[in-house]
C-alpha cells in the first residue's frame, strides 16, 4: 500500500468532489482512502492490462 499525504487545499478539493459529485458523506481519511482506491482500481481495470504480480 502507498501512503500519500495531500496538501490542505487538495484535501478540501477532494472532499468537495466526494460530497457534491459522488454524494459520499464519509470524507474522513479512511473514507477518502476507500474512494480513491475504488477509482484507481476501476481506472486500472478499464486499461485491460494483465496483472503481473501486482
C-alpha atoms as a PDB file:
ATOM      1  CA  UNK A   1       0.000   0.000   0.000  1.00  0.00           C
ATOM      2  CA  UNK A   2       1.154   3.523  -0.727  1.00  0.00           C
ATOM      3  CA  UNK A   3       0.676   6.307   1.803  1.00  0.00           C
ATOM      4  CA  UNK A   4       0.017   9.703   0.262  1.00  0.00           C
ATOM      5  CA  UNK A   5      -0.358  12.996   2.072  1.00  0.00           C
ATOM      6  CA  UNK A   6      -2.229  15.770   0.306  1.00  0.00           C
ATOM      7  CA  UNK A   7      -1.850  19.454   0.957  1.00  0.00           C
ATOM      8  CA  UNK A   8      -4.780  21.033   2.825  1.00  0.00           C
ATOM      9  CA  UNK A   9      -6.028  22.654  -0.400  1.00  0.00           C
ATOM     10  CA  UNK A  10      -6.085  19.346  -2.295  1.00  0.00           C
ATOM     11  CA  UNK A  11      -7.768  17.647   0.670  1.00  0.00           C
ATOM     12  CA  UNK A  12     -10.552  20.230   0.575  1.00  0.00           C
ATOM     13  CA  UNK A  13     -10.960  19.797  -3.205  1.00  0.00           C
ATOM     14  CA  UNK A  14     -11.189  16.024  -2.729  1.00  0.00           C
ATOM     15  CA  UNK A  15     -13.827  16.416  -0.003  1.00  0.00           C
ATOM     16  CA  UNK A  16     -15.846  18.740  -2.233  1.00  0.00           C
ATOM     17  CA  UNK A  17     -15.709  16.284  -5.148  1.00  0.00           C
ATOM     18  CA  UNK A  18     -16.698  13.385  -2.908  1.00  0.00           C
ATOM     19  CA  UNK A  19     -19.674  15.250  -1.464  1.00  0.00           C
ATOM     20  CA  UNK A  20     -21.017  17.169  -4.459  1.00  0.00           C
ATOM     21  CA  UNK A  21     -20.288  14.836  -7.370  1.00  0.00           C
ATOM     22  CA  UNK A  22     -20.473  11.390  -5.779  1.00  0.00           C
ATOM     23  CA  UNK A  23     -22.717  12.119  -2.752  1.00  0.00           C
ATOM     24  CA  UNK A  24     -20.223  10.452  -0.382  1.00  0.00           C
ATOM     25  CA  UNK A  25     -20.558  11.786   3.140  1.00  0.00           C
ATOM     26  CA  UNK A  26     -17.631   9.922   4.748  1.00  0.00           C
ATOM     27  CA  UNK A  27     -14.867  12.415   3.988  1.00  0.00           C
ATOM     28  CA  UNK A  28     -12.549  11.206   6.748  1.00  0.00           C
ATOM     29  CA  UNK A  29      -9.123   9.893   5.757  1.00  0.00           C
ATOM     30  CA  UNK A  30     -10.437   6.309   5.694  1.00  0.00           C
ATOM     31  CA  UNK A  31     -13.380   7.355   3.517  1.00  0.00           C
ATOM     32  CA  UNK A  32     -11.083   9.224   1.146  1.00  0.00           C
ATOM     33  CA  UNK A  33      -8.747   6.219   1.016  1.00  0.00           C
ATOM     34  CA  UNK A  34     -11.630   3.915   0.102  1.00  0.00           C
ATOM     35  CA  UNK A  35     -12.937   6.369  -2.512  1.00  0.00           C
ATOM     36  CA  UNK A  36      -9.547   6.833  -4.177  1.00  0.00           C
ATOM     37  CA  UNK A  37      -8.782   3.103  -4.069  1.00  0.00           C
ATOM     38  CA  UNK A  38     -12.040   2.322  -5.863  1.00  0.00           C
ATOM     39  CA  UNK A  39     -11.334   4.975  -8.508  1.00  0.00           C
ATOM     40  CA  UNK A  40      -7.763   3.782  -9.108  1.00  0.00           C
ATOM     41  CA  UNK A  41      -8.778   0.101  -9.346  1.00  0.00           C
ATOM     42  CA  UNK A  42     -11.596   0.965 -11.760  1.00  0.00           C
ATOM     43  CA  UNK A  43      -9.233   3.007 -13.937  1.00  0.00           C
ATOM     44  CA  UNK A  44      -6.671   0.181 -13.944  1.00  0.00           C
ATOM     45  CA  UNK A  45      -9.295  -2.416 -14.873  1.00  0.00           C
ATOM     46  CA  UNK A  46     -10.504  -0.246 -17.761  1.00  0.00           C
ATOM     47  CA  UNK A  47      -6.970  -0.245 -19.160  1.00  0.00           C
ATOM     48  CA  UNK A  48      -7.184  -4.043 -19.599  1.00  0.00           C
ATOM     49  CA  UNK A  49      -3.561  -4.576 -18.599  1.00  0.00           C
ATOM     50  CA  UNK A  50      -2.854  -8.141 -17.486  1.00  0.00           C
ATOM     51  CA  UNK A  51      -1.749  -8.402 -13.871  1.00  0.00           C
ATOM     52  CA  UNK A  52       1.887  -9.376 -13.442  1.00  0.00           C
ATOM     53  CA  UNK A  53       2.271  -9.889  -9.726  1.00  0.00           C
ATOM     54  CA  UNK A  54       0.601  -6.633  -8.670  1.00  0.00           C
END
